[in-house]
């Protein structure tokens, strides 16, 4: 098992890019086979591109929670989810729960 430190994104903070912006809105956990999966949901908007407009609701999966750091820290030790079958099942669960169109894994 390889663990990584995941730095939580700021919620509600708009991040600008050349073609639009995105923002994380919510942090959540999902129970999957007795383990907690840490994820964040948000939206992305393409509204300043020369090629048109669009947007999506997305989820970013940090991984299985191993240890949350104490205090006001926004860091969590996670085990990345590498198994394709587990990723597919978690993707389906998050699409149903969060109505997201895209799921990305850390």
PDB file of N, CA and C in Angstrom:
ATOM      1  N   UNK A   1       0.842  -1.177   0.000  1.00  0.00           N
ATOM      2  CA  UNK A   1       0.000   0.000   0.000  1.00  0.00           C
ATOM      3  C   UNK A   1       0.890   1.244   0.000  1.00  0.00           C
ATOM      4  N   UNK A   2       0.610   2.140  -0.915  1.00  0.00           N
ATOM      5  CA  UNK A   2       1.314   3.414  -0.994  1.00  0.00           C
ATOM      6  C   UNK A   2       0.357   4.499  -0.543  1.00  0.00           C
ATOM      7  N   UNK A   3       0.794   5.314   0.395  1.00  0.00           N
ATOM      8  CA  UNK A   3      -0.068   6.406   0.841  1.00  0.00           C
ATOM      9  C   UNK A   3       0.481   7.723   0.333  1.00  0.00           C
ATOM     10  N   UNK A   4      -0.412   8.710   0.252  1.00  0.00           N
ATOM     11  CA  UNK A   4      -0.046  10.053  -0.171  1.00  0.00           C
ATOM     12  C   UNK A   4      -0.730  11.048   0.743  1.00  0.00           C
ATOM     13  N   UNK A   5      -0.155  12.222   0.820  1.00  0.00           N
ATOM     14  CA  UNK A   5      -0.787  13.313   1.559  1.00  0.00           C
ATOM     15  C   UNK A   5      -1.617  14.108   0.560  1.00  0.00           C
ATOM     16  N   UNK A   6      -2.896  14.248   0.867  1.00  0.00           N
ATOM     17  CA  UNK A   6      -3.810  15.003   0.014  1.00  0.00           C
ATOM     18  C   UNK A   6      -4.077  16.356   0.665  1.00  0.00           C
ATOM     19  N   UNK A   7      -3.848  17.422  -0.076  1.00  0.00           N
ATOM     20  CA  UNK A   7      -4.130  18.777   0.386  1.00  0.00           C
ATOM     21  C   UNK A   7      -5.530  19.163  -0.068  1.00  0.00           C
ATOM     22  N   UNK A   8      -6.405  19.422   0.881  1.00  0.00           N
ATOM     23  CA  UNK A   8      -7.795  19.747   0.564  1.00  0.00           C
ATOM     24  C   UNK A   8      -7.882  21.085  -0.175  1.00  0.00           C
ATOM     25  N   UNK A   9      -8.707  21.150  -1.210  1.00  0.00           N
ATOM     26  CA  UNK A   9      -8.893  22.435  -1.896  1.00  0.00           C
ATOM     27  C   UNK A   9      -9.784  23.358  -1.064  1.00  0.00           C
ATOM     28  N   UNK A  10      -9.633  24.643  -1.285  1.00  0.00           N
ATOM     29  CA  UNK A  10     -10.506  25.617  -0.621  1.00  0.00           C
ATOM     30  C   UNK A  10     -11.897  25.517  -1.222  1.00  0.00           C
ATOM     31  N   UNK A  11     -12.905  25.477  -0.369  1.00  0.00           N
ATOM     32  CA  UNK A  11     -14.290  25.393  -0.850  1.00  0.00           C
ATOM     33  C   UNK A  11     -14.803  26.787  -1.176  1.00  0.00           C
ATOM     34  N   UNK A  12     -15.525  26.889  -2.291  1.00  0.00           N
ATOM     35  CA  UNK A  12     -16.152  28.145  -2.672  1.00  0.00           C
ATOM     36  C   UNK A  12     -15.217  29.161  -3.298  1.00  0.00           C
ATOM     37  N   UNK A  13     -13.965  28.828  -3.450  1.00  0.00           N
ATOM     38  CA  UNK A  13     -12.996  29.755  -4.036  1.00  0.00           C
ATOM     39  C   UNK A  13     -12.963  29.568  -5.551  1.00  0.00           C
ATOM     40  N   UNK A  14     -13.219  30.639  -6.279  1.00  0.00           N
ATOM     41  CA  UNK A  14     -13.227  30.581  -7.735  1.00  0.00           C
ATOM     42  C   UNK A  14     -11.788  30.611  -8.240  1.00  0.00           C
ATOM     43  N   UNK A  15     -11.450  29.636  -9.078  1.00  0.00           N
ATOM     44  CA  UNK A  15     -10.127  29.562  -9.688  1.00  0.00           C
ATOM     45  C   UNK A  15     -10.287  29.891 -11.174  1.00  0.00           C
ATOM     46  N   UNK A  16      -9.666  30.990 -11.583  1.00  0.00           N
ATOM     47  CA  UNK A  16      -9.797  31.474 -12.960  1.00  0.00           C
ATOM     48  C   UNK A  16      -8.790  30.777 -13.881  1.00  0.00           C
ATOM     49  N   UNK A  17      -9.199  30.607 -15.129  1.00  0.00           N
ATOM     50  CA  UNK A  17      -8.292  30.121 -16.163  1.00  0.00           C
ATOM     51  C   UNK A  17      -8.522  30.951 -17.421  1.00  0.00           C
ATOM     52  N   UNK A  18      -7.776  30.660 -18.454  1.00  0.00           N
ATOM     53  CA  UNK A  18      -7.893  31.441 -19.678  1.00  0.00           C
ATOM     54  C   UNK A  18      -9.267  31.288 -20.340  1.00  0.00           C
ATOM     55  N   UNK A  19      -9.919  30.153 -20.119  1.00  0.00           N
ATOM     56  CA  UNK A  19     -11.200  29.919 -20.790  1.00  0.00           C
ATOM     57  C   UNK A  19     -12.408  29.918 -19.863  1.00  0.00           C
ATOM     58  N   UNK A  20     -12.193  30.121 -18.569  1.00  0.00           N
ATOM     59  CA  UNK A  20     -13.321  30.106 -17.636  1.00  0.00           C
ATOM     60  C   UNK A  20     -12.864  30.023 -16.203  1.00  0.00           C
ATOM     61  N   UNK A  21     -13.598  29.238 -15.411  1.00  0.00           N
ATOM     62  CA  UNK A  21     -13.235  29.084 -14.010  1.00  0.00           C
ATOM     63  C   UNK A  21     -13.835  27.791 -13.450  1.00  0.00           C
ATOM     64  N   UNK A  22     -13.337  27.399 -12.281  1.00  0.00           N
ATOM     65  CA  UNK A  22     -13.916  26.262 -11.570  1.00  0.00           C
ATOM     66  C   UNK A  22     -13.891  26.563 -10.081  1.00  0.00           C
ATOM     67  N   UNK A  23     -14.682  25.788  -9.345  1.00  0.00           N
ATOM     68  CA  UNK A  23     -14.742  25.958  -7.900  1.00  0.00           C
ATOM     69  C   UNK A  23     -15.164  24.639  -7.262  1.00  0.00           C
ATOM     70  N   UNK A  24     -14.531  24.306  -6.146  1.00  0.00           N
ATOM     71  CA  UNK A  24     -14.974  23.163  -5.348  1.00  0.00           C
ATOM     72  C   UNK A  24     -16.047  23.670  -4.388  1.00  0.00           C
ATOM     73  N   UNK A  25     -17.152  22.950  -4.293  1.00  0.00           N
ATOM     74  CA  UNK A  25     -18.268  23.390  -3.460  1.00  0.00           C
ATOM     75  C   UNK A  25     -18.466  22.563  -2.198  1.00  0.00           C
ATOM     76  N   UNK A  26     -18.092  21.298  -2.242  1.00  0.00           N
ATOM     77  CA  UNK A  26     -18.433  20.412  -1.135  1.00  0.00           C
ATOM     78  C   UNK A  26     -17.364  19.343  -0.955  1.00  0.00           C
ATOM     79  N   UNK A  27     -17.147  18.976   0.305  1.00  0.00           N
ATOM     80  CA  UNK A  27     -16.292  17.840   0.647  1.00  0.00           C
ATOM     81  C   UNK A  27     -17.189  16.762   1.222  1.00  0.00           C
ATOM     82  N   UNK A  28     -16.920  15.525   0.851  1.00  0.00           N
ATOM     83  CA  UNK A  28     -17.733  14.438   1.374  1.00  0.00           C
ATOM     84  C   UNK A  28     -16.940  13.152   1.485  1.00  0.00           C
ATOM     85  N   UNK A  29     -17.551  12.189   2.154  1.00  0.00           N
ATOM     86  CA  UNK A  29     -16.992  10.845   2.203  1.00  0.00           C
ATOM     87  C   UNK A  29     -18.058   9.875   1.737  1.00  0.00           C
ATOM     88  N   UNK A  30     -17.596   8.807   1.173  1.00  0.00           N
ATOM     89  CA  UNK A  30     -18.461   7.766   0.636  1.00  0.00           C
ATOM     90  C   UNK A  30     -18.025   6.452   1.260  1.00  0.00           C
ATOM     91  N   UNK A  31     -18.967   5.700   1.812  1.00  0.00           N
ATOM     92  CA  UNK A  31     -18.642   4.389   2.358  1.00  0.00           C
ATOM     93  C   UNK A  31     -18.592   3.397   1.207  1.00  0.00           C
ATOM     94  N   UNK A  32     -17.437   2.787   1.018  1.00  0.00           N
ATOM     95  CA  UNK A  32     -17.263   1.800  -0.039  1.00  0.00           C
ATOM     96  C   UNK A  32     -16.585   0.565   0.543  1.00  0.00           C
ATOM     97  N   UNK A  33     -17.343  -0.502   0.646  1.00  0.00           N
ATOM     98  CA  UNK A  33     -16.840  -1.776   1.169  1.00  0.00           C
ATOM     99  C   UNK A  33     -16.155  -1.610   2.523  1.00  0.00           C
ATOM    100  N   UNK A  34     -16.773  -0.810   3.394  1.00  0.00           N
ATOM    101  CA  UNK A  34     -16.273  -0.628   4.748  1.00  0.00           C
ATOM    102  C   UNK A  34     -15.139   0.374   4.883  1.00  0.00           C
ATOM    103  N   UNK A  35     -14.806   1.058   3.811  1.00  0.00           N
ATOM    104  CA  UNK A  35     -13.737   2.060   3.860  1.00  0.00           C
ATOM    105  C   UNK A  35     -14.312   3.417   3.476  1.00  0.00           C
ATOM    106  N   UNK A  36     -13.723   4.489   4.005  1.00  0.00           N
ATOM    107  CA  UNK A  36     -14.168   5.842   3.681  1.00  0.00           C
ATOM    108  C   UNK A  36     -13.373   6.383   2.499  1.00  0.00           C
ATOM    109  N   UNK A  37     -14.105   6.817   1.479  1.00  0.00           N
ATOM    110  CA  UNK A  37     -13.511   7.436   0.303  1.00  0.00           C
ATOM    111  C   UNK A  37     -13.710   8.946   0.441  1.00  0.00           C
ATOM    112  N   UNK A  38     -12.620   9.702   0.408  1.00  0.00           N
ATOM    113  CA  UNK A  38     -12.690  11.159   0.489  1.00  0.00           C
ATOM    114  C   UNK A  38     -12.812  11.725  -0.919  1.00  0.00           C
ATOM    115  N   UNK A  39     -13.791  12.636  -1.099  1.00  0.00           N
ATOM    116  CA  UNK A  39     -13.957  13.259  -2.410  1.00  0.00           C
ATOM    117  C   UNK A  39     -14.419  14.708  -2.243  1.00  0.00           C
ATOM    118  N   UNK A  40     -14.279  15.470  -3.311  1.00  0.00           N
ATOM    119  CA  UNK A  40     -14.751  16.846  -3.373  1.00  0.00           C
ATOM    120  C   UNK A  40     -15.563  16.999  -4.647  1.00  0.00           C
ATOM    121  N   UNK A  41     -16.641  17.759  -4.583  1.00  0.00           N
ATOM    122  CA  UNK A  41     -17.435  18.026  -5.781  1.00  0.00           C
ATOM    123  C   UNK A  41     -17.391  19.516  -6.079  1.00  0.00           C
ATOM    124  N   UNK A  42     -17.564  19.832  -7.341  1.00  0.00           N
ATOM    125  CA  UNK A  42     -17.526  21.221  -7.754  1.00  0.00           C
ATOM    126  C   UNK A  42     -18.058  21.380  -9.159  1.00  0.00           C
ATOM    127  N   UNK A  43     -17.824  22.544  -9.727  1.00  0.00           N
ATOM    128  CA  UNK A  43     -18.290  22.813 -11.079  1.00  0.00           C
ATOM    129  C   UNK A  43     -17.185  23.514 -11.869  1.00  0.00           C
ATOM    130  N   UNK A  44     -17.255  23.373 -13.165  1.00  0.00           N
ATOM    131  CA  UNK A  44     -16.361  24.077 -14.063  1.00  0.00           C
ATOM    132  C   UNK A  44     -17.197  24.773 -15.116  1.00  0.00           C
ATOM    133  N   UNK A  45     -16.804  25.993 -15.477  1.00  0.00           N
ATOM    134  CA  UNK A  45     -17.532  26.775 -16.472  1.00  0.00           C
ATOM    135  C   UNK A  45     -16.550  27.280 -17.520  1.00  0.00           C
ATOM    136  N   UNK A  46     -16.887  27.062 -18.768  1.00  0.00           N
ATOM    137  CA  UNK A  46     -16.134  27.638 -19.876  1.00  0.00           C
ATOM    138  C   UNK A  46     -16.987  28.787 -20.393  1.00  0.00           C
ATOM    139  N   UNK A  47     -16.570  30.020 -20.072  1.00  0.00           N
ATOM    140  CA  UNK A  47     -17.390  31.173 -20.457  1.00  0.00           C
ATOM    141  C   UNK A  47     -16.580  32.312 -21.062  1.00  0.00           C
ATOM    142  N   UNK A  48     -15.284  32.103 -21.234  1.00  0.00           N
ATOM    143  CA  UNK A  48     -14.477  33.150 -21.853  1.00  0.00           C
ATOM    144  C   UNK A  48     -13.575  32.575 -22.946  1.00  0.00           C
ATOM    145  N   UNK A  49     -14.044  31.518 -23.569  1.00  0.00           N
ATOM    146  CA  UNK A  49     -13.305  30.859 -24.634  1.00  0.00           C
ATOM    147  C   UNK A  49     -13.765  31.382 -25.989  1.00  0.00           C
ATOM    148  N   UNK A  50     -12.869  31.396 -26.942  1.00  0.00           N
ATOM    149  CA  UNK A  50     -13.243  31.815 -28.291  1.00  0.00           C
ATOM    150  C   UNK A  50     -14.040  30.729 -29.008  1.00  0.00           C
ATOM    151  N   UNK A  51     -14.068  29.529 -28.447  1.00  0.00           N
ATOM    152  CA  UNK A  51     -14.678  28.386 -29.128  1.00  0.00           C
ATOM    153  C   UNK A  51     -16.077  28.036 -28.620  1.00  0.00           C
ATOM    154  N   UNK A  52     -16.645  28.825 -27.722  1.00  0.00           N
ATOM    155  CA  UNK A  52     -17.978  28.533 -27.214  1.00  0.00           C
ATOM    156  C   UNK A  52     -18.014  28.485 -25.706  1.00  0.00           C
ATOM    157  N   UNK A  53     -19.155  28.081 -25.190  1.00  0.00           N
ATOM    158  CA  UNK A  53     -19.362  28.022 -23.745  1.00  0.00           C
ATOM    159  C   UNK A  53     -19.788  26.617 -23.342  1.00  0.00           C
ATOM    160  N   UNK A  54     -19.660  26.317 -22.060  1.00  0.00           N
ATOM    161  CA  UNK A  54     -20.073  25.020 -21.548  1.00  0.00           C
ATOM    162  C   UNK A  54     -19.761  24.930 -20.074  1.00  0.00           C
ATOM    163  N   UNK A  55     -19.979  23.757 -19.529  1.00  0.00           N
ATOM    164  CA  UNK A  55     -19.699  23.560 -18.123  1.00  0.00           C
ATOM    165  C   UNK A  55     -19.961  22.131 -17.713  1.00  0.00           C
ATOM    166  N   UNK A  56     -19.588  21.819 -16.485  1.00  0.00           N
ATOM    167  CA  UNK A  56     -19.840  20.483 -15.956  1.00  0.00           C
ATOM    168  C   UNK A  56     -19.799  20.516 -14.429  1.00  0.00           C
ATOM    169  N   UNK A  57     -20.364  19.491 -13.850  1.00  0.00           N
ATOM    170  CA  UNK A  57     -20.239  19.224 -12.418  1.00  0.00           C
ATOM    171  C   UNK A  57     -19.276  18.047 -12.312  1.00  0.00           C
ATOM    172  N   UNK A  58     -18.282  18.160 -11.438  1.00  0.00           N
ATOM    173  CA  UNK A  58     -17.264  17.121 -11.353  1.00  0.00           C
ATOM    174  C   UNK A  58     -17.043  16.701  -9.905  1.00  0.00           C
ATOM    175  N   UNK A  59     -16.429  15.536  -9.756  1.00  0.00           N
ATOM    176  CA  UNK A  59     -15.966  15.057  -8.453  1.00  0.00           C
ATOM    177  C   UNK A  59     -14.494  14.705  -8.578  1.00  0.00           C
ATOM    178  N   UNK A  60     -13.742  15.044  -7.559  1.00  0.00           N
ATOM    179  CA  UNK A  60     -12.341  14.659  -7.466  1.00  0.00           C
ATOM    180  C   UNK A  60     -12.210  13.715  -6.283  1.00  0.00           C
ATOM    181  N   UNK A  61     -11.734  12.509  -6.529  1.00  0.00           N
ATOM    182  CA  UNK A  61     -11.589  11.500  -5.487  1.00  0.00           C
ATOM    183  C   UNK A  61     -10.146  11.487  -5.005  1.00  0.00           C
ATOM    184  N   UNK A  62      -9.966  11.750  -3.713  1.00  0.00           N
ATOM    185  CA  UNK A  62      -8.621  11.743  -3.133  1.00  0.00           C
ATOM    186  C   UNK A  62      -8.136  10.315  -2.912  1.00  0.00           C
ATOM    187  N   UNK A  63      -9.013   9.457  -2.386  1.00  0.00           N
ATOM    188  CA  UNK A  63      -8.655   8.069  -2.112  1.00  0.00           C
ATOM    189  C   UNK A  63      -9.276   7.595  -0.818  1.00  0.00           C
ATOM    190  N   UNK A  64      -8.827   6.435  -0.364  1.00  0.00           N
ATOM    191  CA  UNK A  64      -9.301   5.883   0.909  1.00  0.00           C
ATOM    192  C   UNK A  64      -8.628   6.634   2.050  1.00  0.00           C
ATOM    193  N   UNK A  65      -9.410   7.078   3.004  1.00  0.00           N
ATOM    194  CA  UNK A  65      -8.865   7.820   4.144  1.00  0.00           C
ATOM    195  C   UNK A  65      -8.085   6.865   5.045  1.00  0.00           C
ATOM    196  N   UNK A  66      -6.826   7.210   5.283  1.00  0.00           N
ATOM    197  CA  UNK A  66      -5.997   6.453   6.217  1.00  0.00           C
ATOM    198  C   UNK A  66      -5.869   7.196   7.541  1.00  0.00           C
ATOM    199  N   UNK A  67      -5.622   8.521   7.451  1.00  0.00           N
ATOM    200  CA  UNK A  67      -5.453   9.313   8.671  1.00  0.00           C
ATOM    201  C   UNK A  67      -5.703  10.771   8.347  1.00  0.00           C
ATOM    202  N   UNK A  68      -6.589  11.360   9.147  1.00  0.00           N
ATOM    203  CA  UNK A  68      -6.819  12.801   9.037  1.00  0.00           C
ATOM    204  C   UNK A  68      -5.849  13.487   9.984  1.00  0.00           C
ATOM    205  N   UNK A  69      -5.261  14.555   9.527  1.00  0.00           N
ATOM    206  CA  UNK A  69      -4.322  15.291  10.365  1.00  0.00           C
ATOM    207  C   UNK A  69      -5.092  16.135  11.378  1.00  0.00           C
ATOM    208  N   UNK A  70      -4.510  16.330  12.536  1.00  0.00           N
ATOM    209  CA  UNK A  70      -5.177  17.036  13.630  1.00  0.00           C
ATOM    210  C   UNK A  70      -5.195  18.544  13.418  1.00  0.00           C
ATOM    211  N   UNK A  71      -6.028  19.196  14.201  1.00  0.00           N
ATOM    212  CA  UNK A  71      -6.077  20.658  14.204  1.00  0.00           C
ATOM    213  C   UNK A  71      -6.781  21.220  12.991  1.00  0.00           C
ATOM    214  N   UNK A  72      -6.322  22.386  12.574  1.00  0.00           N
ATOM    215  CA  UNK A  72      -6.926  23.071  11.446  1.00  0.00           C
ATOM    216  C   UNK A  72      -6.303  22.669  10.117  1.00  0.00           C
ATOM    217  N   UNK A  73      -5.531  21.626  10.115  1.00  0.00           N
ATOM    218  CA  UNK A  73      -4.846  21.202   8.907  1.00  0.00           C
ATOM    219  C   UNK A  73      -5.846  20.777   7.835  1.00  0.00           C
ATOM    220  N   UNK A  74      -5.495  21.065   6.620  1.00  0.00           N
ATOM    221  CA  UNK A  74      -6.340  20.657   5.494  1.00  0.00           C
ATOM    222  C   UNK A  74      -5.614  19.573   4.699  1.00  0.00           C
ATOM    223  N   UNK A  75      -5.016  18.677   5.443  1.00  0.00           N
ATOM    224  CA  UNK A  75      -4.278  17.569   4.840  1.00  0.00           C
ATOM    225  C   UNK A  75      -4.809  16.253   5.396  1.00  0.00           C
ATOM    226  N   UNK A  76      -4.882  15.266   4.515  1.00  0.00           N
ATOM    227  CA  UNK A  76      -5.331  13.937   4.899  1.00  0.00           C
ATOM    228  C   UNK A  76      -4.437  12.913   4.226  1.00  0.00           C
ATOM    229  N   UNK A  77      -4.049  11.897   4.978  1.00  0.00           N
ATOM    230  CA  UNK A  77      -3.291  10.802   4.381  1.00  0.00           C
ATOM    231  C   UNK A  77      -4.281   9.846   3.738  1.00  0.00           C
ATOM    232  N   UNK A  78      -4.078   9.568   2.451  1.00  0.00           N
ATOM    233  CA  UNK A  78      -4.991   8.710   1.709  1.00  0.00           C
ATOM    234  C   UNK A  78      -4.227   7.612   0.989  1.00  0.00           C
ATOM    235  N   UNK A  79      -4.954   6.555   0.673  1.00  0.00           N
ATOM    236  CA  UNK A  79      -4.449   5.499  -0.199  1.00  0.00           C
ATOM    237  C   UNK A  79      -5.127   5.706  -1.551  1.00  0.00           C
ATOM    238  N   UNK A  80      -4.371   6.040  -2.591  1.00  0.00           N
ATOM    239  CA  UNK A  80      -4.994   6.226  -3.900  1.00  0.00           C
ATOM    240  C   UNK A  80      -5.723   4.958  -4.356  1.00  0.00           C
ATOM    241  N   UNK A  81      -6.776   5.145  -5.110  1.00  0.00           N
ATOM    242  CA  UNK A  81      -7.586   4.024  -5.599  1.00  0.00           C
ATOM    243  C   UNK A  81      -7.109   3.698  -7.007  1.00  0.00           C
ATOM    244  N   UNK A  82      -6.444   2.564  -7.155  1.00  0.00           N
ATOM    245  CA  UNK A  82      -5.836   2.194  -8.430  1.00  0.00           C
ATOM    246  C   UNK A  82      -6.625   1.126  -9.182  1.00  0.00           C
ATOM    247  N   UNK A  83      -7.387   0.318  -8.469  1.00  0.00           N
ATOM    248  CA  UNK A  83      -8.089  -0.792  -9.095  1.00  0.00           C
ATOM    249  C   UNK A  83      -9.182  -0.278 -10.041  1.00  0.00           C
ATOM    250  N   UNK A  84      -9.131  -0.642 -11.329  1.00  0.00           N
ATOM    251  CA  UNK A  84     -10.117  -0.146 -12.287  1.00  0.00           C
ATOM    252  C   UNK A  84     -11.567  -0.509 -11.944  1.00  0.00           C
ATOM    253  N   UNK A  85     -11.793  -1.697 -11.410  1.00  0.00           N
ATOM    254  CA  UNK A  85     -13.160  -2.105 -11.051  1.00  0.00           C
ATOM    255  C   UNK A  85     -13.691  -1.263  -9.891  1.00  0.00           C
ATOM    256  N   UNK A  86     -12.833  -0.997  -8.897  1.00  0.00           N
ATOM    257  CA  UNK A  86     -13.237  -0.145  -7.779  1.00  0.00           C
ATOM    258  C   UNK A  86     -13.508   1.270  -8.259  1.00  0.00           C
ATOM    259  N   UNK A  87     -12.653   1.778  -9.136  1.00  0.00           N
ATOM    260  CA  UNK A  87     -12.871   3.116  -9.691  1.00  0.00           C
ATOM    261  C   UNK A  87     -14.211   3.207 -10.420  1.00  0.00           C
ATOM    262  N   UNK A  88     -14.528   2.177 -11.198  1.00  0.00           N
ATOM    263  CA  UNK A  88     -15.804   2.179 -11.932  1.00  0.00           C
ATOM    264  C   UNK A  88     -16.994   2.192 -10.986  1.00  0.00           C
ATOM    265  N   UNK A  89     -16.938   1.375  -9.930  1.00  0.00           N
ATOM    266  CA  UNK A  89     -18.042   1.323  -8.965  1.00  0.00           C
ATOM    267  C   UNK A  89     -18.176   2.649  -8.211  1.00  0.00           C
ATOM    268  N   UNK A  90     -17.061   3.221  -7.797  1.00  0.00           N
ATOM    269  CA  UNK A  90     -17.079   4.500  -7.075  1.00  0.00           C
ATOM    270  C   UNK A  90     -17.576   5.607  -7.996  1.00  0.00           C
ATOM    271  N   UNK A  91     -17.154   5.586  -9.246  1.00  0.00           N
ATOM    272  CA  UNK A  91     -17.635   6.562 -10.228  1.00  0.00           C
ATOM    273  C   UNK A  91     -19.145   6.502 -10.346  1.00  0.00           C
ATOM    274  N   UNK A  92     -19.704   5.301 -10.489  1.00  0.00           N
ATOM    275  CA  UNK A  92     -21.166   5.149 -10.590  1.00  0.00           C
ATOM    276  C   UNK A  92     -21.870   5.662  -9.339  1.00  0.00           C
ATOM    277  N   UNK A  93     -21.317   5.357  -8.169  1.00  0.00           N
ATOM    278  CA  UNK A  93     -21.924   5.809  -6.915  1.00  0.00           C
ATOM    279  C   UNK A  93     -21.917   7.341  -6.819  1.00  0.00           C
ATOM    280  N   UNK A  94     -20.805   7.961  -7.198  1.00  0.00           N
ATOM    281  CA  UNK A  94     -20.715   9.420  -7.116  1.00  0.00           C
ATOM    282  C   UNK A  94     -21.598  10.102  -8.163  1.00  0.00           C
ATOM    283  N   UNK A  95     -21.688   9.531  -9.340  1.00  0.00           N
ATOM    284  CA  UNK A  95     -22.571  10.113 -10.364  1.00  0.00           C
ATOM    285  C   UNK A  95     -24.020  10.098  -9.880  1.00  0.00           C
ATOM    286  N   UNK A  96     -24.413   9.046  -9.190  1.00  0.00           N
ATOM    287  CA  UNK A  96     -25.769   8.982  -8.636  1.00  0.00           C
ATOM    288  C   UNK A  96     -25.954   9.942  -7.472  1.00  0.00           C
ATOM    289  N   UNK A  97     -24.980  10.038  -6.596  1.00  0.00           N
ATOM    290  CA  UNK A  97     -25.086  10.865  -5.397  1.00  0.00           C
ATOM    291  C   UNK A  97     -24.960  12.358  -5.703  1.00  0.00           C
ATOM    292  N   UNK A  98     -23.979  12.726  -6.521  1.00  0.00           N
ATOM    293  CA  UNK A  98     -23.634  14.138  -6.753  1.00  0.00           C
ATOM    294  C   UNK A  98     -24.139  14.681  -8.092  1.00  0.00           C
ATOM    295  N   UNK A  99     -24.717  13.817  -8.920  1.00  0.00           N
ATOM    296  CA  UNK A  99     -25.166  14.207 -10.268  1.00  0.00           C
ATOM    297  C   UNK A  99     -24.033  14.826 -11.075  1.00  0.00           C
ATOM    298  N   UNK A 100     -22.826  14.317 -10.884  1.00  0.00           N
ATOM    299  CA  UNK A 100     -21.670  14.832 -11.617  1.00  0.00           C
ATOM    300  C   UNK A 100     -21.552  14.116 -12.957  1.00  0.00           C
ATOM    301  N   UNK A 101     -20.905  14.786 -13.889  1.00  0.00           N
ATOM    302  CA  UNK A 101     -20.705  14.206 -15.211  1.00  0.00           C
ATOM    303  C   UNK A 101     -19.287  13.690 -15.396  1.00  0.00           C
ATOM    304  N   UNK A 102     -18.408  14.024 -14.465  1.00  0.00           N
ATOM    305  CA  UNK A 102     -17.004  13.662 -14.580  1.00  0.00           C
ATOM    306  C   UNK A 102     -16.463  13.305 -13.195  1.00  0.00           C
ATOM    307  N   UNK A 103     -15.707  12.213 -13.106  1.00  0.00           N
ATOM    308  CA  UNK A 103     -15.068  11.812 -11.843  1.00  0.00           C
ATOM    309  C   UNK A 103     -13.586  11.603 -12.133  1.00  0.00           C
ATOM    310  N   UNK A 104     -12.750  12.299 -11.366  1.00  0.00           N
ATOM    311  CA  UNK A 104     -11.297  12.205 -11.508  1.00  0.00           C
ATOM    312  C   UNK A 104     -10.704  11.647 -10.223  1.00  0.00           C
ATOM    313  N   UNK A 105      -9.658  10.843 -10.352  1.00  0.00           N
ATOM    314  CA  UNK A 105      -9.014  10.225  -9.191  1.00  0.00           C
ATOM    315  C   UNK A 105      -7.625  10.820  -8.997  1.00  0.00           C
ATOM    316  N   UNK A 106      -7.280  11.097  -7.720  1.00  0.00           N
ATOM    317  CA  UNK A 106      -5.997  11.684  -7.327  1.00  0.00           C
ATOM    318  C   UNK A 106      -4.883  10.695  -7.536  1.00  0.00           C
TER     319      UNK A 106
END
